[in-house]
N, C-alpha and C. Protein backbone atom coordinates (compact mmCIF):
# COMPACT_ATOMS: atom_id res chain seq x y z
N MET A 1 14.66 -8.76 13.05
CA MET A 1 13.34 -9.19 12.67
C MET A 1 13.22 -9.36 11.16
N LEU A 2 13.86 -8.49 10.39
CA LEU A 2 13.75 -8.56 8.94
C LEU A 2 14.98 -9.17 8.29
N LYS A 3 15.75 -9.92 9.04
CA LYS A 3 16.97 -10.48 8.49
C LYS A 3 16.72 -11.50 7.38
N PRO A 4 15.81 -12.43 7.52
CA PRO A 4 15.59 -13.36 6.41
C PRO A 4 15.00 -12.64 5.19
N VAL A 5 15.40 -13.08 4.02
CA VAL A 5 14.96 -12.45 2.78
C VAL A 5 13.45 -12.61 2.59
N ASN A 6 12.90 -13.75 3.03
CA ASN A 6 11.47 -13.96 2.81
C ASN A 6 10.61 -12.94 3.56
N ARG A 7 11.10 -12.41 4.66
CA ARG A 7 10.33 -11.39 5.38
C ARG A 7 10.34 -10.06 4.64
N LYS A 8 11.48 -9.72 4.06
CA LYS A 8 11.55 -8.48 3.27
C LYS A 8 10.64 -8.58 2.05
N ILE A 9 10.69 -9.71 1.37
CA ILE A 9 9.85 -9.90 0.19
C ILE A 9 8.38 -9.90 0.61
N SER A 10 8.07 -10.49 1.74
CA SER A 10 6.69 -10.53 2.23
C SER A 10 6.14 -9.13 2.46
N LEU A 11 6.93 -8.28 3.09
CA LEU A 11 6.47 -6.91 3.34
C LEU A 11 6.29 -6.14 2.04
N LEU A 12 7.17 -6.36 1.08
CA LEU A 12 7.04 -5.73 -0.22
C LEU A 12 5.76 -6.19 -0.92
N LEU A 13 5.47 -7.48 -0.85
CA LEU A 13 4.26 -8.02 -1.46
C LEU A 13 3.00 -7.52 -0.77
N ILE A 14 3.05 -7.36 0.54
CA ILE A 14 1.89 -6.82 1.26
C ILE A 14 1.63 -5.38 0.82
N ALA A 15 2.68 -4.58 0.69
CA ALA A 15 2.51 -3.20 0.23
C ALA A 15 1.94 -3.17 -1.19
N LEU A 16 2.43 -4.05 -2.05
CA LEU A 16 1.91 -4.14 -3.41
C LEU A 16 0.44 -4.56 -3.42
N ALA A 17 0.08 -5.51 -2.56
CA ALA A 17 -1.30 -5.98 -2.48
C ALA A 17 -2.23 -4.88 -1.97
N ILE A 18 -1.78 -4.09 -1.02
CA ILE A 18 -2.60 -2.99 -0.50
C ILE A 18 -2.85 -1.96 -1.60
N PHE A 19 -1.82 -1.63 -2.36
CA PHE A 19 -1.99 -0.70 -3.48
C PHE A 19 -2.92 -1.30 -4.53
N TYR A 20 -2.78 -2.58 -4.81
CA TYR A 20 -3.63 -3.28 -5.77
C TYR A 20 -5.08 -3.27 -5.31
N LEU A 21 -5.30 -3.52 -4.02
CA LEU A 21 -6.66 -3.49 -3.49
C LEU A 21 -7.25 -2.08 -3.54
N TYR A 22 -6.43 -1.08 -3.29
CA TYR A 22 -6.90 0.30 -3.41
C TYR A 22 -7.41 0.56 -4.82
N LEU A 23 -6.66 0.11 -5.82
CA LEU A 23 -7.09 0.28 -7.20
C LEU A 23 -8.33 -0.57 -7.51
N ALA A 24 -8.41 -1.77 -6.94
CA ALA A 24 -9.56 -2.64 -7.18
C ALA A 24 -10.84 -2.03 -6.62
N TYR A 25 -10.75 -1.34 -5.49
CA TYR A 25 -11.92 -0.72 -4.91
C TYR A 25 -12.34 0.54 -5.66
N GLN A 26 -11.50 1.03 -6.58
CA GLN A 26 -11.85 2.18 -7.41
C GLN A 26 -12.69 1.78 -8.62
N LEU A 27 -12.74 0.47 -8.94
CA LEU A 27 -13.52 0.01 -10.09
C LEU A 27 -15.00 0.22 -9.82
N PRO A 28 -15.74 0.61 -10.86
CA PRO A 28 -17.18 0.85 -10.66
C PRO A 28 -17.93 -0.46 -10.42
N SER A 29 -19.00 -0.38 -9.62
CA SER A 29 -19.82 -1.55 -9.37
C SER A 29 -21.18 -1.36 -10.02
N PHE A 30 -21.83 -2.48 -10.31
CA PHE A 30 -23.14 -2.45 -10.95
C PHE A 30 -24.21 -2.74 -9.91
N ALA A 31 -25.33 -2.07 -10.02
CA ALA A 31 -26.37 -2.15 -9.00
C ALA A 31 -27.05 -3.51 -8.94
N ASN A 32 -27.32 -4.13 -10.06
CA ASN A 32 -28.12 -5.35 -10.05
C ASN A 32 -27.32 -6.59 -10.43
N SER A 33 -26.07 -6.66 -10.00
CA SER A 33 -25.31 -7.88 -10.24
C SER A 33 -24.56 -8.27 -8.97
N VAL A 34 -24.47 -9.57 -8.75
CA VAL A 34 -23.81 -10.08 -7.55
C VAL A 34 -22.29 -10.03 -7.73
N ILE A 35 -21.84 -10.41 -8.91
CA ILE A 35 -20.41 -10.42 -9.20
C ILE A 35 -20.09 -9.23 -10.09
N ASN A 36 -19.24 -8.35 -9.60
CA ASN A 36 -18.85 -7.15 -10.34
C ASN A 36 -17.50 -7.34 -11.00
N ALA A 37 -17.10 -6.32 -11.74
CA ALA A 37 -15.79 -6.35 -12.38
C ALA A 37 -14.67 -6.34 -11.35
N SER A 38 -14.96 -5.88 -10.14
CA SER A 38 -13.92 -5.80 -9.12
C SER A 38 -13.85 -7.03 -8.22
N THR A 39 -14.72 -7.99 -8.43
CA THR A 39 -14.75 -9.15 -7.53
C THR A 39 -13.46 -9.95 -7.60
N MET A 40 -13.03 -10.32 -8.79
CA MET A 40 -11.82 -11.13 -8.93
C MET A 40 -10.57 -10.37 -8.49
N PRO A 41 -10.40 -9.10 -8.88
CA PRO A 41 -9.23 -8.37 -8.36
C PRO A 41 -9.19 -8.28 -6.83
N LYS A 42 -10.35 -8.14 -6.20
CA LYS A 42 -10.38 -8.09 -4.74
C LYS A 42 -9.97 -9.43 -4.13
N ILE A 43 -10.48 -10.51 -4.71
CA ILE A 43 -10.10 -11.85 -4.23
C ILE A 43 -8.60 -12.05 -4.37
N LEU A 44 -8.05 -11.66 -5.51
CA LEU A 44 -6.61 -11.81 -5.74
C LEU A 44 -5.79 -10.95 -4.77
N GLY A 45 -6.26 -9.73 -4.50
CA GLY A 45 -5.55 -8.85 -3.57
C GLY A 45 -5.51 -9.41 -2.16
N PHE A 46 -6.66 -9.88 -1.69
CA PHE A 46 -6.69 -10.46 -0.34
C PHE A 46 -5.93 -11.79 -0.29
N GLY A 47 -5.96 -12.54 -1.38
CA GLY A 47 -5.18 -13.78 -1.45
C GLY A 47 -3.69 -13.50 -1.38
N LEU A 48 -3.25 -12.43 -2.06
CA LEU A 48 -1.83 -12.06 -2.00
C LEU A 48 -1.43 -11.64 -0.59
N ILE A 49 -2.29 -10.93 0.09
CA ILE A 49 -1.99 -10.54 1.49
C ILE A 49 -1.88 -11.78 2.36
N ALA A 50 -2.81 -12.73 2.21
CA ALA A 50 -2.79 -13.94 3.03
C ALA A 50 -1.51 -14.75 2.76
N LEU A 51 -1.16 -14.93 1.51
CA LEU A 51 0.05 -15.69 1.19
C LEU A 51 1.31 -14.96 1.64
N SER A 52 1.30 -13.63 1.58
CA SER A 52 2.46 -12.86 2.05
C SER A 52 2.62 -12.97 3.56
N LEU A 53 1.52 -12.98 4.28
CA LEU A 53 1.60 -13.18 5.73
C LEU A 53 2.12 -14.58 6.05
N PHE A 54 1.68 -15.56 5.29
CA PHE A 54 2.19 -16.92 5.45
C PHE A 54 3.70 -16.95 5.20
N LEU A 55 4.15 -16.26 4.16
CA LEU A 55 5.58 -16.20 3.85
C LEU A 55 6.36 -15.51 4.96
N PHE A 56 5.76 -14.49 5.57
CA PHE A 56 6.45 -13.74 6.62
C PHE A 56 6.72 -14.63 7.84
N PHE A 57 5.79 -15.50 8.18
CA PHE A 57 5.94 -16.29 9.40
C PHE A 57 6.58 -17.65 9.19
N ILE A 58 6.99 -17.97 7.98
CA ILE A 58 7.71 -19.22 7.74
C ILE A 58 9.08 -19.09 8.40
N PRO A 59 9.50 -20.08 9.19
CA PRO A 59 10.83 -19.99 9.81
C PRO A 59 11.94 -20.07 8.75
N ASP A 60 12.99 -19.31 8.99
CA ASP A 60 14.11 -19.27 8.05
C ASP A 60 14.98 -20.51 8.25
N GLN A 61 15.08 -21.31 7.20
CA GLN A 61 15.92 -22.50 7.24
C GLN A 61 16.93 -22.47 6.10
N GLU A 62 17.37 -21.29 5.74
CA GLU A 62 18.27 -21.13 4.61
C GLU A 62 19.71 -21.45 5.01
N THR A 63 20.36 -22.28 4.22
CA THR A 63 21.76 -22.63 4.46
C THR A 63 22.65 -21.79 3.54
N LYS A 64 23.95 -21.94 3.68
CA LYS A 64 24.87 -21.21 2.83
C LYS A 64 24.73 -21.65 1.37
N GLU A 65 24.42 -22.91 1.14
CA GLU A 65 24.21 -23.40 -0.22
C GLU A 65 22.97 -22.77 -0.84
N ASP A 66 21.94 -22.57 -0.03
CA ASP A 66 20.73 -21.92 -0.53
C ASP A 66 21.01 -20.47 -0.90
N LYS A 67 21.86 -19.80 -0.13
CA LYS A 67 22.21 -18.42 -0.45
C LYS A 67 22.98 -18.34 -1.77
N LYS A 68 23.83 -19.34 -2.03
CA LYS A 68 24.56 -19.37 -3.30
C LYS A 68 23.61 -19.60 -4.47
N LYS A 69 22.57 -20.39 -4.28
CA LYS A 69 21.60 -20.65 -5.34
C LYS A 69 20.80 -19.40 -5.69
N ARG A 70 20.68 -18.47 -4.77
CA ARG A 70 19.93 -17.25 -4.99
C ARG A 70 20.64 -16.29 -5.93
N HIS A 71 21.92 -16.50 -6.15
CA HIS A 71 22.70 -15.61 -7.01
C HIS A 71 22.27 -15.81 -8.47
N ILE A 72 21.94 -14.71 -9.14
CA ILE A 72 21.53 -14.76 -10.54
C ILE A 72 22.69 -14.28 -11.40
N PRO A 73 23.13 -15.09 -12.37
CA PRO A 73 24.23 -14.66 -13.24
C PRO A 73 23.89 -13.40 -14.03
N LYS A 74 24.92 -12.64 -14.40
CA LYS A 74 24.72 -11.37 -15.09
C LYS A 74 24.03 -11.57 -16.44
N ALA A 75 24.33 -12.65 -17.14
CA ALA A 75 23.71 -12.90 -18.44
C ALA A 75 22.20 -13.10 -18.28
N ASP A 76 21.79 -13.77 -17.22
CA ASP A 76 20.36 -13.97 -16.97
C ASP A 76 19.67 -12.66 -16.60
N LEU A 77 20.36 -11.81 -15.85
CA LEU A 77 19.79 -10.50 -15.50
C LEU A 77 19.57 -9.65 -16.75
N ILE A 78 20.50 -9.73 -17.69
CA ILE A 78 20.36 -8.99 -18.95
C ILE A 78 19.14 -9.50 -19.72
N LYS A 79 18.96 -10.82 -19.75
CA LYS A 79 17.80 -11.38 -20.45
C LYS A 79 16.50 -10.97 -19.76
N ILE A 80 16.48 -10.99 -18.44
CA ILE A 80 15.28 -10.59 -17.71
C ILE A 80 14.97 -9.12 -17.99
N ALA A 81 15.99 -8.27 -17.96
CA ALA A 81 15.79 -6.84 -18.23
C ALA A 81 15.31 -6.63 -19.67
N GLY A 82 15.86 -7.39 -20.61
CA GLY A 82 15.43 -7.27 -22.00
C GLY A 82 13.97 -7.65 -22.19
N VAL A 83 13.54 -8.72 -21.55
CA VAL A 83 12.14 -9.15 -21.66
C VAL A 83 11.22 -8.14 -20.98
N VAL A 84 11.62 -7.60 -19.85
CA VAL A 84 10.81 -6.58 -19.17
C VAL A 84 10.66 -5.36 -20.07
N LEU A 85 11.73 -4.94 -20.73
CA LEU A 85 11.65 -3.80 -21.65
C LEU A 85 10.74 -4.11 -22.83
N MET A 86 10.78 -5.33 -23.33
CA MET A 86 9.88 -5.71 -24.43
C MET A 86 8.43 -5.71 -23.97
N ILE A 87 8.17 -6.13 -22.75
CA ILE A 87 6.81 -6.11 -22.22
C ILE A 87 6.32 -4.66 -22.08
N LEU A 88 7.18 -3.78 -21.60
CA LEU A 88 6.80 -2.38 -21.47
C LEU A 88 6.55 -1.76 -22.84
N ALA A 89 7.37 -2.11 -23.84
CA ALA A 89 7.14 -1.63 -25.20
C ALA A 89 5.82 -2.17 -25.75
N TYR A 90 5.52 -3.43 -25.46
CA TYR A 90 4.25 -4.03 -25.88
C TYR A 90 3.07 -3.25 -25.31
N ILE A 91 3.13 -2.94 -24.02
CA ILE A 91 2.05 -2.19 -23.38
C ILE A 91 1.93 -0.80 -24.00
N PHE A 92 3.07 -0.14 -24.26
CA PHE A 92 3.06 1.22 -24.79
C PHE A 92 2.49 1.27 -26.21
N PHE A 93 2.85 0.31 -27.05
CA PHE A 93 2.45 0.35 -28.45
C PHE A 93 1.15 -0.39 -28.76
N LEU A 94 0.55 -1.07 -27.79
CA LEU A 94 -0.64 -1.87 -28.06
C LEU A 94 -1.78 -1.04 -28.63
N GLU A 95 -2.12 0.06 -28.02
CA GLU A 95 -3.21 0.91 -28.52
C GLU A 95 -2.82 1.63 -29.81
N ARG A 96 -1.56 2.00 -29.94
CA ARG A 96 -1.13 2.79 -31.09
C ARG A 96 -1.03 1.98 -32.38
N LEU A 97 -0.45 0.79 -32.29
CA LEU A 97 -0.20 -0.01 -33.49
C LEU A 97 -1.19 -1.15 -33.67
N GLY A 98 -1.86 -1.56 -32.62
CA GLY A 98 -2.85 -2.62 -32.71
C GLY A 98 -2.35 -3.94 -32.16
N PHE A 99 -3.32 -4.78 -31.80
CA PHE A 99 -3.02 -6.05 -31.15
C PHE A 99 -2.22 -7.00 -32.04
N ILE A 100 -2.65 -7.17 -33.28
CA ILE A 100 -2.02 -8.16 -34.16
C ILE A 100 -0.56 -7.79 -34.43
N LEU A 101 -0.31 -6.55 -34.82
CA LEU A 101 1.05 -6.14 -35.16
C LEU A 101 1.98 -6.17 -33.95
N VAL A 102 1.53 -5.64 -32.84
CA VAL A 102 2.39 -5.57 -31.65
C VAL A 102 2.63 -6.97 -31.08
N SER A 103 1.61 -7.81 -31.12
CA SER A 103 1.78 -9.19 -30.62
C SER A 103 2.73 -9.97 -31.52
N PHE A 104 2.62 -9.77 -32.83
CA PHE A 104 3.55 -10.40 -33.76
C PHE A 104 4.99 -10.00 -33.45
N LEU A 105 5.22 -8.69 -33.32
CA LEU A 105 6.57 -8.20 -33.04
C LEU A 105 7.08 -8.71 -31.69
N PHE A 106 6.22 -8.70 -30.69
CA PHE A 106 6.64 -9.16 -29.36
C PHE A 106 7.01 -10.64 -29.37
N ILE A 107 6.15 -11.47 -29.93
CA ILE A 107 6.42 -12.91 -29.92
C ILE A 107 7.68 -13.22 -30.71
N PHE A 108 7.83 -12.62 -31.89
CA PHE A 108 8.98 -12.93 -32.73
C PHE A 108 10.29 -12.47 -32.08
N PHE A 109 10.35 -11.21 -31.68
CA PHE A 109 11.60 -10.69 -31.14
C PHE A 109 11.93 -11.22 -29.75
N CYS A 110 10.91 -11.48 -28.94
CA CYS A 110 11.17 -12.05 -27.62
C CYS A 110 11.72 -13.47 -27.76
N SER A 111 11.15 -14.26 -28.66
CA SER A 111 11.65 -15.62 -28.89
C SER A 111 13.07 -15.58 -29.44
N TYR A 112 13.30 -14.67 -30.37
CA TYR A 112 14.64 -14.52 -30.95
C TYR A 112 15.65 -14.09 -29.88
N PHE A 113 15.26 -13.13 -29.05
CA PHE A 113 16.14 -12.63 -27.99
C PHE A 113 16.48 -13.72 -26.98
N LEU A 114 15.52 -14.60 -26.71
CA LEU A 114 15.75 -15.66 -25.73
C LEU A 114 16.46 -16.88 -26.33
N GLY A 115 16.78 -16.83 -27.62
CA GLY A 115 17.64 -17.85 -28.20
C GLY A 115 16.96 -18.90 -29.06
N TYR A 116 15.71 -18.72 -29.43
CA TYR A 116 15.04 -19.69 -30.29
C TYR A 116 15.60 -19.55 -31.70
N THR A 117 16.07 -20.64 -32.29
CA THR A 117 16.81 -20.56 -33.55
C THR A 117 16.02 -20.98 -34.78
N LYS A 118 14.87 -21.59 -34.63
CA LYS A 118 14.08 -22.01 -35.80
C LYS A 118 13.21 -20.82 -36.24
N HIS A 119 13.79 -19.98 -37.08
CA HIS A 119 13.16 -18.71 -37.43
C HIS A 119 11.89 -18.88 -38.26
N SER A 120 11.83 -19.91 -39.10
CA SER A 120 10.61 -20.08 -39.91
C SER A 120 9.42 -20.47 -39.02
N ILE A 121 9.65 -21.34 -38.06
CA ILE A 121 8.58 -21.70 -37.13
C ILE A 121 8.21 -20.51 -36.25
N ASN A 122 9.22 -19.78 -35.82
CA ASN A 122 8.98 -18.60 -35.00
C ASN A 122 8.14 -17.58 -35.76
N LEU A 123 8.45 -17.38 -37.04
CA LEU A 123 7.69 -16.44 -37.86
C LEU A 123 6.25 -16.92 -38.04
N LEU A 124 6.08 -18.20 -38.28
CA LEU A 124 4.74 -18.76 -38.47
C LEU A 124 3.89 -18.62 -37.21
N VAL A 125 4.46 -18.98 -36.08
CA VAL A 125 3.72 -18.86 -34.81
C VAL A 125 3.44 -17.39 -34.49
N SER A 126 4.40 -16.52 -34.77
CA SER A 126 4.24 -15.10 -34.48
C SER A 126 3.14 -14.47 -35.31
N ILE A 127 2.87 -15.02 -36.48
CA ILE A 127 1.78 -14.50 -37.32
C ILE A 127 0.45 -15.15 -36.97
N LEU A 128 0.46 -16.47 -36.85
CA LEU A 128 -0.80 -17.19 -36.67
C LEU A 128 -1.42 -17.01 -35.28
N PHE A 129 -0.62 -17.02 -34.24
CA PHE A 129 -1.17 -16.95 -32.88
C PHE A 129 -1.92 -15.63 -32.63
N PRO A 130 -1.33 -14.46 -32.91
CA PRO A 130 -2.11 -13.23 -32.70
C PRO A 130 -3.33 -13.13 -33.61
N ALA A 131 -3.20 -13.60 -34.85
CA ALA A 131 -4.35 -13.56 -35.76
C ALA A 131 -5.48 -14.44 -35.25
N LEU A 132 -5.15 -15.62 -34.77
CA LEU A 132 -6.15 -16.53 -34.22
C LEU A 132 -6.80 -15.94 -32.97
N LEU A 133 -5.99 -15.41 -32.06
CA LEU A 133 -6.55 -14.79 -30.86
C LEU A 133 -7.44 -13.61 -31.19
N TYR A 134 -7.00 -12.78 -32.13
CA TYR A 134 -7.80 -11.62 -32.54
C TYR A 134 -9.14 -12.07 -33.11
N SER A 135 -9.11 -13.11 -33.94
CA SER A 135 -10.34 -13.63 -34.54
C SER A 135 -11.28 -14.18 -33.48
N VAL A 136 -10.75 -14.95 -32.54
CA VAL A 136 -11.58 -15.53 -31.49
C VAL A 136 -12.20 -14.43 -30.64
N PHE A 137 -11.43 -13.45 -30.25
CA PHE A 137 -11.96 -12.39 -29.38
C PHE A 137 -12.98 -11.52 -30.11
N THR A 138 -12.70 -11.15 -31.36
CA THR A 138 -13.60 -10.22 -32.04
C THR A 138 -14.83 -10.91 -32.63
N MET A 139 -14.65 -12.09 -33.25
CA MET A 139 -15.77 -12.73 -33.93
C MET A 139 -16.60 -13.63 -33.01
N LEU A 140 -15.94 -14.44 -32.22
CA LEU A 140 -16.67 -15.40 -31.39
C LEU A 140 -17.14 -14.79 -30.06
N LEU A 141 -16.27 -14.06 -29.41
CA LEU A 141 -16.61 -13.54 -28.09
C LEU A 141 -17.19 -12.13 -28.11
N GLY A 142 -17.04 -11.43 -29.23
CA GLY A 142 -17.56 -10.07 -29.33
C GLY A 142 -16.79 -9.05 -28.51
N ILE A 143 -15.53 -9.33 -28.25
CA ILE A 143 -14.69 -8.42 -27.48
C ILE A 143 -13.77 -7.70 -28.46
N SER A 144 -13.78 -6.39 -28.43
CA SER A 144 -12.95 -5.65 -29.38
C SER A 144 -11.54 -5.48 -28.81
N LEU A 145 -10.57 -5.76 -29.65
CA LEU A 145 -9.17 -5.54 -29.33
C LEU A 145 -8.68 -4.39 -30.18
N PRO A 146 -7.63 -3.68 -29.76
CA PRO A 146 -7.15 -2.56 -30.55
C PRO A 146 -6.71 -2.99 -31.95
N SER A 147 -7.30 -2.36 -32.96
CA SER A 147 -6.93 -2.71 -34.33
C SER A 147 -5.73 -1.90 -34.80
N GLY A 148 -5.51 -0.72 -34.26
CA GLY A 148 -4.34 0.06 -34.58
C GLY A 148 -4.29 0.50 -36.03
N ILE A 149 -3.14 0.35 -36.65
CA ILE A 149 -2.97 0.82 -38.03
C ILE A 149 -3.47 -0.19 -39.06
N ILE A 150 -3.76 -1.41 -38.65
CA ILE A 150 -4.33 -2.42 -39.55
C ILE A 150 -5.84 -2.18 -39.59
N PRO A 151 -6.42 -1.98 -40.79
CA PRO A 151 -7.81 -1.50 -40.87
C PRO A 151 -8.92 -2.53 -40.71
N PHE A 152 -8.72 -3.62 -39.98
CA PHE A 152 -9.83 -4.57 -39.81
C PHE A 152 -10.05 -4.91 -38.37
């Protein structure tokens, strides 16, 4: 029953969606609003369950060539692991060091790690993009982002 890979992935996604929905139902609701903070997460959780069920019942039509395409080279796995570690470091340091600094470091080093060679453009984008996003969120939208060790 679970021989095709899509069925195993489907069951994993359903379990993830159930856990996600459990967390979404823990979000507080407001008494006098129709749309709460948990509305979109709940829609996404139920959508993931529906798509996972669809994936589970798709008939397996995988050939030997398709199985060969599923193989990921070791160099690509190292790059994926490196980016995942950078994302985890970004999450860990976001509150401590602040949005602008951590975003700058993430964008610059992730681009460098993935092989982007125009370092001056990479440096410029790594500085301007987080600064622009920070300005838009704090000044225009009134949403505070972690300032961290930078005092503004």
